[in-house]
Amino acid sequence: MSKIAVVYYSGYGHTKVIAETFAAEIDATLIEIDQEGNIQDQDWDTLDAADAIVFGAPTYMANAPWQFKKFADASSKRWFTRAWTDKIFGGFTNSASLNGDKQVTLISLQTLASQHGGIW
């Protein structure tokens, strides 16, 4: 069976509900990015061991929040060692906006996966 990790940031709780529901449906490990943009040290090992990683972030002002971006920046050590090369990646977002601002957030999540050598 594949090991899947869902790593997400949720500012108001909506993204958390989606992440929890999704992770429960696919039996994935759930990793929460905290309000300071950090994950626990052991979570990096979980992400390294996963076959697939799903990113989740709300859309604020047409992009991912700074907490998710801090996590993305912290993943640069994995980029340097190519630790996540050839993993499968996915992503989701949500917002209260009625227009297409969520596309930019999804492109940001996809770019992070591509930089790591993953398959979106």
C-alpha atoms as a PDB file:
ATOM      1  CA  MET A   1       0.000   0.000   0.000  1.00  0.00           C
ATOM      2  CA  SER A   2       1.244   3.480  -0.831  1.00  0.00           C
ATOM      3  CA  LYS A   3       2.179   5.932   1.893  1.00  0.00           C
ATOM      4  CA  ILE A   4       0.493   9.287   1.367  1.00  0.00           C
ATOM      5  CA  ALA A   5       0.983  12.451   3.408  1.00  0.00           C
ATOM      6  CA  VAL A   6      -1.319  15.472   3.400  1.00  0.00           C
ATOM      7  CA  VAL A   7       0.468  18.614   4.590  1.00  0.00           C
ATOM      8  CA  TYR A   8      -1.704  21.689   5.018  1.00  0.00           C
ATOM      9  CA  TYR A   9      -2.100  25.089   6.590  1.00  0.00           C
ATOM     10  CA  SER A  10      -5.507  26.312   7.764  1.00  0.00           C
ATOM     11  CA  GLY A  11      -6.083  29.815   9.037  1.00  0.00           C
ATOM     12  CA  TYR A  12      -9.794  29.689   9.839  1.00  0.00           C
ATOM     13  CA  GLY A  13     -10.440  25.929   9.911  1.00  0.00           C
ATOM     14  CA  HIS A  14     -11.962  25.415   6.457  1.00  0.00           C
ATOM     15  CA  THR A  15      -8.816  23.932   4.903  1.00  0.00           C
ATOM     16  CA  LYS A  16      -8.389  21.700   7.974  1.00  0.00           C
ATOM     17  CA  VAL A  17     -11.851  20.183   7.414  1.00  0.00           C
ATOM     18  CA  ILE A  18     -10.990  19.419   3.789  1.00  0.00           C
ATOM     19  CA  ALA A  19      -7.576  17.986   4.749  1.00  0.00           C
ATOM     20  CA  GLU A  20      -9.017  15.774   7.489  1.00  0.00           C
ATOM     21  CA  THR A  21     -11.828  14.497   5.272  1.00  0.00           C
ATOM     22  CA  PHE A  22      -9.504  13.804   2.353  1.00  0.00           C
ATOM     23  CA  ALA A  23      -6.842  12.114   4.523  1.00  0.00           C
ATOM     24  CA  ALA A  24      -9.467   9.895   6.172  1.00  0.00           C
ATOM     25  CA  GLU A  25     -10.813   8.771   2.791  1.00  0.00           C
ATOM     26  CA  ILE A  26      -7.379   7.733   1.479  1.00  0.00           C
ATOM     27  CA  ASP A  27      -5.815   6.627   4.803  1.00  0.00           C
ATOM     28  CA  ALA A  28      -3.141   9.319   4.611  1.00  0.00           C
ATOM     29  CA  THR A  29      -0.962  10.796   7.317  1.00  0.00           C
ATOM     30  CA  LEU A  30      -2.046  14.319   8.201  1.00  0.00           C
ATOM     31  CA  ILE A  31       0.593  17.009   8.836  1.00  0.00           C
ATOM     32  CA  GLU A  32      -0.493  20.451   9.994  1.00  0.00           C
ATOM     33  CA  ILE A  33       1.578  23.570   9.380  1.00  0.00           C
ATOM     34  CA  ASP A  34       1.233  25.666  12.543  1.00  0.00           C
ATOM     35  CA  GLN A  35       0.475  29.378  12.856  1.00  0.00           C
ATOM     36  CA  GLU A  36       4.212  30.140  12.695  1.00  0.00           C
ATOM     37  CA  GLY A  37       4.613  28.212   9.430  1.00  0.00           C
ATOM     38  CA  ASN A  38       6.392  25.203  10.951  1.00  0.00           C
ATOM     39  CA  ILE A  39       5.851  21.475  11.049  1.00  0.00           C
ATOM     40  CA  GLN A  40       7.256  19.122  13.685  1.00  0.00           C
ATOM     41  CA  ASP A  41      10.721  17.651  13.116  1.00  0.00           C
ATOM     42  CA  GLN A  42       9.394  14.097  12.734  1.00  0.00           C
ATOM     43  CA  ASP A  43       6.979  15.319  10.042  1.00  0.00           C
ATOM     44  CA  TRP A  44       9.909  15.882   7.671  1.00  0.00           C
ATOM     45  CA  ASP A  45      10.740  12.163   8.002  1.00  0.00           C
ATOM     46  CA  THR A  46       7.113  11.299   7.225  1.00  0.00           C
ATOM     47  CA  LEU A  47       7.205  13.463   4.084  1.00  0.00           C
ATOM     48  CA  ASP A  48      10.539  11.952   3.021  1.00  0.00           C
ATOM     49  CA  ALA A  49       9.133   8.412   3.396  1.00  0.00           C
ATOM     50  CA  ALA A  50       5.853   9.136   1.619  1.00  0.00           C
ATOM     51  CA  ASP A  51       5.191   7.902  -1.903  1.00  0.00           C
ATOM     52  CA  ALA A  52       2.870  10.853  -2.500  1.00  0.00           C
ATOM     53  CA  ILE A  53       2.448  14.288  -0.920  1.00  0.00           C
ATOM     54  CA  VAL A  54      -0.698  16.394  -1.116  1.00  0.00           C
ATOM     55  CA  PHE A  55      -0.403  20.118  -0.333  1.00  0.00           C
ATOM     56  CA  GLY A  56      -3.351  22.052   1.065  1.00  0.00           C
ATOM     57  CA  ALA A  57      -3.534  25.798   1.586  1.00  0.00           C
ATOM     58  CA  PRO A  58      -6.254  28.420   1.629  1.00  0.00           C
ATOM     59  CA  THR A  59      -6.170  31.237  -0.882  1.00  0.00           C
ATOM     60  CA  TYR A  60      -5.626  34.676   0.639  1.00  0.00           C
ATOM     61  CA  MET A  61      -5.410  37.646  -1.715  1.00  0.00           C
ATOM     62  CA  ALA A  62      -4.914  35.333  -4.732  1.00  0.00           C
ATOM     63  CA  ASN A  63      -2.078  33.274  -3.256  1.00  0.00           C
ATOM     64  CA  ALA A  64      -1.091  30.852  -0.503  1.00  0.00           C
ATOM     65  CA  PRO A  65      -0.607  32.377   2.963  1.00  0.00           C
ATOM     66  CA  TRP A  66       2.851  33.180   4.303  1.00  0.00           C
ATOM     67  CA  GLN A  67       2.741  30.177   6.674  1.00  0.00           C
ATOM     68  CA  PHE A  68       2.544  27.788   3.723  1.00  0.00           C
ATOM     69  CA  LYS A  69       5.263  29.719   1.890  1.00  0.00           C
ATOM     70  CA  LYS A  70       7.526  29.420   4.957  1.00  0.00           C
ATOM     71  CA  PHE A  71       7.004  25.645   4.899  1.00  0.00           C
ATOM     72  CA  ALA A  72       7.764  25.637   1.166  1.00  0.00           C
ATOM     73  CA  ASP A  73      10.978  27.593   1.767  1.00  0.00           C
ATOM     74  CA  ALA A  74      11.965  25.174   4.546  1.00  0.00           C
ATOM     75  CA  SER A  75      11.621  22.294   2.077  1.00  0.00           C
ATOM     76  CA  SER A  76      14.654  23.619   0.183  1.00  0.00           C
ATOM     77  CA  LYS A  77      16.897  21.172   2.084  1.00  0.00           C
ATOM     78  CA  ARG A  78      14.893  18.385   0.464  1.00  0.00           C
ATOM     79  CA  TRP A  79      15.253  20.101  -2.916  1.00  0.00           C
ATOM     80  CA  PHE A  80      19.044  20.271  -2.484  1.00  0.00           C
ATOM     81  CA  THR A  81      19.312  16.544  -1.749  1.00  0.00           C
ATOM     82  CA  ARG A  82      16.570  15.626  -4.274  1.00  0.00           C
ATOM     83  CA  ALA A  83      14.776  13.757  -1.461  1.00  0.00           C
ATOM     84  CA  TRP A  84      11.351  14.180  -3.046  1.00  0.00           C
ATOM     85  CA  THR A  85      12.285  13.429  -6.648  1.00  0.00           C
ATOM     86  CA  ASP A  86       9.758  11.216  -8.467  1.00  0.00           C
ATOM     87  CA  LYS A  87       7.110  11.463  -5.756  1.00  0.00           C
ATOM     88  CA  ILE A  88       3.512  11.980  -6.794  1.00  0.00           C
ATOM     89  CA  PHE A  89       2.095  15.353  -5.724  1.00  0.00           C
ATOM     90  CA  GLY A  90      -1.355  16.867  -5.555  1.00  0.00           C
ATOM     91  CA  GLY A  91      -2.921  19.919  -4.031  1.00  0.00           C
ATOM     92  CA  PHE A  92      -6.099  21.705  -3.038  1.00  0.00           C
ATOM     93  CA  THR A  93      -7.195  25.151  -1.981  1.00  0.00           C
ATOM     94  CA  ASN A  94     -10.308  27.022  -0.959  1.00  0.00           C
ATOM     95  CA  SER A  95     -11.420  30.605  -0.411  1.00  0.00           C
ATOM     96  CA  ALA A  96     -14.503  32.720   0.036  1.00  0.00           C
ATOM     97  CA  SER A  97     -13.893  34.602  -3.183  1.00  0.00           C
ATOM     98  CA  LEU A  98     -16.250  34.082  -6.091  1.00  0.00           C
ATOM     99  CA  ASN A  99     -13.663  34.677  -8.816  1.00  0.00           C
ATOM    100  CA  GLY A 100     -10.724  32.678 -10.145  1.00  0.00           C
ATOM    101  CA  ASP A 101      -8.069  33.646  -7.614  1.00  0.00           C
ATOM    102  CA  LYS A 102      -7.611  30.035  -6.517  1.00  0.00           C
ATOM    103  CA  GLN A 103      -5.840  29.167  -9.758  1.00  0.00           C
ATOM    104  CA  VAL A 104      -2.749  31.141  -8.741  1.00  0.00           C
ATOM    105  CA  THR A 105      -2.545  29.254  -5.452  1.00  0.00           C
ATOM    106  CA  LEU A 106      -2.801  25.910  -7.249  1.00  0.00           C
ATOM    107  CA  ILE A 107      -0.071  26.987  -9.662  1.00  0.00           C
ATOM    108  CA  SER A 108       2.118  27.847  -6.647  1.00  0.00           C
ATOM    109  CA  LEU A 109       1.536  24.392  -5.157  1.00  0.00           C
ATOM    110  CA  GLN A 110       2.280  22.762  -8.505  1.00  0.00           C
ATOM    111  CA  THR A 111       5.465  24.799  -8.874  1.00  0.00           C
ATOM    112  CA  LEU A 112       6.684  23.619  -5.477  1.00  0.00           C
ATOM    113  CA  ALA A 113       6.115  20.011  -6.516  1.00  0.00           C
ATOM    114  CA  SER A 114       7.846  20.536  -9.860  1.00  0.00           C
ATOM    115  CA  GLN A 115      10.871  22.144  -8.225  1.00  0.00           C
ATOM    116  CA  HIS A 116      11.257  19.026  -6.127  1.00  0.00           C
ATOM    117  CA  GLY A 117      11.243  16.835  -9.228  1.00  0.00           C
ATOM    118  CA  GLY A 118       7.839  15.440  -8.446  1.00  0.00           C
ATOM    119  CA  ILE A 119       4.969  14.444 -10.695  1.00  0.00           C
ATOM    120  CA  TRP A 120       1.848  16.614 -10.372  1.00  0.00           C
END
